[in-house]
Amino acid sequence: MTTSKKHRCFCSEPMGDKLVYELPGIGPVLGGRLQNRGIIRARDVLGRFLVLNKDEWKFKNWLRDSCGANAKQQRDCYNYLREWTSNHL
């Protein structure tokens, strides 16, 4: 599996106050949809990931239902959050 530069950069640094559309797999369109639902920061998505106990199926379904993410976008975001939590928590 190859990762994008965005993924590698994100995994190597604290999440801080990054906006949701800065997450790998989430761009301006999906980010806008999430923001319309009150999910503004990347840490909000991380919180959902943790509430769902890092369950891949549940998280990907939540992302699809919340903003219409396709399978690749779901996978990119999930893989990033899984790696980020392994490195930082």
C-alpha atoms as a PDB file:
ATOM      1  CA  MET A   1       0.000   0.000   0.000  1.00  0.00           C
ATOM      2  CA  THR A   2       1.304   3.445  -0.856  1.00  0.00           C
ATOM      3  CA  THR A   3       0.414   6.557   1.055  1.00  0.00           C
ATOM      4  CA  SER A   4       0.091  10.104  -0.146  1.00  0.00           C
ATOM      5  CA  LYS A   5       2.331  12.963   0.890  1.00  0.00           C
ATOM      6  CA  LYS A   6      -0.691  14.400   2.742  1.00  0.00           C
ATOM      7  CA  HIS A   7      -1.029  11.131   4.690  1.00  0.00           C
ATOM      8  CA  ARG A   8       2.677  10.949   5.575  1.00  0.00           C
ATOM      9  CA  CYS A   9       2.778  14.588   6.715  1.00  0.00           C
ATOM     10  CA  PHE A  10      -0.345  14.234   8.838  1.00  0.00           C
ATOM     11  CA  CYS A  11       0.822  11.057  10.533  1.00  0.00           C
ATOM     12  CA  SER A  12       4.102  12.635  11.528  1.00  0.00           C
ATOM     13  CA  GLU A  13       2.676  15.677  13.302  1.00  0.00           C
ATOM     14  CA  PRO A  14       0.118  16.551  15.980  1.00  0.00           C
ATOM     15  CA  MET A  15      -3.425  17.070  14.758  1.00  0.00           C
ATOM     16  CA  GLY A  16      -3.820  20.386  16.533  1.00  0.00           C
ATOM     17  CA  ASP A  17      -6.506  22.644  15.086  1.00  0.00           C
ATOM     18  CA  LYS A  18      -6.416  21.334  11.532  1.00  0.00           C
ATOM     19  CA  LEU A  19      -9.675  21.644   9.646  1.00  0.00           C
ATOM     20  CA  VAL A  20     -11.594  18.545   8.645  1.00  0.00           C
ATOM     21  CA  TYR A  21     -10.856  18.949   4.914  1.00  0.00           C
ATOM     22  CA  GLU A  22      -7.140  18.608   5.638  1.00  0.00           C
ATOM     23  CA  LEU A  23      -7.602  14.918   6.527  1.00  0.00           C
ATOM     24  CA  PRO A  24      -6.397  12.407   3.934  1.00  0.00           C
ATOM     25  CA  GLY A  25      -9.405  11.246   1.934  1.00  0.00           C
ATOM     26  CA  ILE A  26     -11.379  14.377   2.808  1.00  0.00           C
ATOM     27  CA  GLY A  27     -11.111  17.376   0.542  1.00  0.00           C
ATOM     28  CA  PRO A  28     -13.007  20.637   0.214  1.00  0.00           C
ATOM     29  CA  VAL A  29     -16.292  19.062  -0.951  1.00  0.00           C
ATOM     30  CA  LEU A  30     -16.558  16.349   1.705  1.00  0.00           C
ATOM     31  CA  GLY A  31     -15.076  18.716   4.256  1.00  0.00           C
ATOM     32  CA  GLY A  32     -17.805  21.236   3.467  1.00  0.00           C
ATOM     33  CA  ARG A  33     -20.476  18.577   3.948  1.00  0.00           C
ATOM     34  CA  LEU A  34     -19.004  17.588   7.300  1.00  0.00           C
ATOM     35  CA  GLN A  35     -18.736  21.226   8.365  1.00  0.00           C
ATOM     36  CA  ASN A  36     -22.413  21.695   7.511  1.00  0.00           C
ATOM     37  CA  ARG A  37     -23.085  18.913  10.042  1.00  0.00           C
ATOM     38  CA  GLY A  38     -21.018  20.689  12.699  1.00  0.00           C
ATOM     39  CA  ILE A  39     -17.869  18.621  12.229  1.00  0.00           C
ATOM     40  CA  ILE A  40     -15.329  21.403  11.778  1.00  0.00           C
ATOM     41  CA  ARG A  41     -11.952  20.096  12.946  1.00  0.00           C
ATOM     42  CA  ALA A  42      -9.991  16.949  12.127  1.00  0.00           C
ATOM     43  CA  ARG A  43     -10.091  16.133  15.838  1.00  0.00           C
ATOM     44  CA  ASP A  44     -13.907  15.904  15.575  1.00  0.00           C
ATOM     45  CA  VAL A  45     -13.509  13.063  13.070  1.00  0.00           C
ATOM     46  CA  LEU A  46     -10.850  11.506  15.310  1.00  0.00           C
ATOM     47  CA  GLY A  47     -13.344  11.627  18.170  1.00  0.00           C
ATOM     48  CA  ARG A  48     -15.919   9.747  16.122  1.00  0.00           C
ATOM     49  CA  PHE A  49     -13.249   7.217  15.130  1.00  0.00           C
ATOM     50  CA  LEU A  50     -12.468   6.609  18.807  1.00  0.00           C
ATOM     51  CA  VAL A  51     -16.142   6.499  19.877  1.00  0.00           C
ATOM     52  CA  LEU A  52     -16.625   3.789  17.258  1.00  0.00           C
ATOM     53  CA  ASN A  53     -13.733   1.876  18.892  1.00  0.00           C
ATOM     54  CA  LYS A  54     -11.593   2.193  15.752  1.00  0.00           C
ATOM     55  CA  ASP A  55     -13.960  -0.262  14.043  1.00  0.00           C
ATOM     56  CA  GLU A  56     -13.240  -0.081  10.319  1.00  0.00           C
ATOM     57  CA  TRP A  57     -16.701  -1.060   9.099  1.00  0.00           C
ATOM     58  CA  LYS A  58     -18.557   1.281  11.462  1.00  0.00           C
ATOM     59  CA  PHE A  59     -16.254   4.223  10.776  1.00  0.00           C
ATOM     60  CA  LYS A  60     -16.385   3.849   7.003  1.00  0.00           C
ATOM     61  CA  ASN A  61     -20.178   3.599   7.098  1.00  0.00           C
ATOM     62  CA  TRP A  62     -20.372   6.688   9.310  1.00  0.00           C
ATOM     63  CA  LEU A  63     -18.155   8.602   6.889  1.00  0.00           C
ATOM     64  CA  ARG A  64     -20.239   7.487   3.910  1.00  0.00           C
ATOM     65  CA  ASP A  65     -23.486   8.428   5.622  1.00  0.00           C
ATOM     66  CA  SER A  66     -22.161  11.732   6.976  1.00  0.00           C
ATOM     67  CA  CYS A  67     -20.649  13.189   3.834  1.00  0.00           C
ATOM     68  CA  GLY A  68     -20.992  10.745   0.957  1.00  0.00           C
ATOM     69  CA  ALA A  69     -17.377   9.559   0.987  1.00  0.00           C
ATOM     70  CA  ASN A  70     -16.648   6.875  -1.589  1.00  0.00           C
ATOM     71  CA  ALA A  71     -14.745   3.661  -0.807  1.00  0.00           C
ATOM     72  CA  LYS A  72     -11.298   5.136  -1.550  1.00  0.00           C
ATOM     73  CA  GLN A  73     -11.961   8.254   0.516  1.00  0.00           C
ATOM     74  CA  GLN A  74     -13.240   6.119   3.397  1.00  0.00           C
ATOM     75  CA  ARG A  75     -10.193   3.876   3.220  1.00  0.00           C
ATOM     76  CA  ASP A  76      -7.728   6.798   3.065  1.00  0.00           C
ATOM     77  CA  CYS A  77      -9.275   8.518   6.079  1.00  0.00           C
ATOM     78  CA  TYR A  78      -9.555   5.288   8.094  1.00  0.00           C
ATOM     79  CA  ASN A  79      -5.961   4.256   7.357  1.00  0.00           C
ATOM     80  CA  TYR A  80      -4.711   7.682   8.337  1.00  0.00           C
ATOM     81  CA  LEU A  81      -6.605   7.728  11.641  1.00  0.00           C
ATOM     82  CA  ARG A  82      -5.517   4.180  12.452  1.00  0.00           C
ATOM     83  CA  GLU A  83      -1.868   5.071  11.839  1.00  0.00           C
ATOM     84  CA  TRP A  84      -2.140   8.437  13.610  1.00  0.00           C
ATOM     85  CA  THR A  85      -3.584   6.868  16.752  1.00  0.00           C
ATOM     86  CA  SER A  86      -0.844   4.203  16.705  1.00  0.00           C
ATOM     87  CA  ASN A  87       1.798   6.937  16.569  1.00  0.00           C
ATOM     88  CA  HIS A  88       0.282   9.478  18.974  1.00  0.00           C
ATOM     89  CA  LEU A  89      -1.982   7.725  21.496  1.00  0.00           C
END
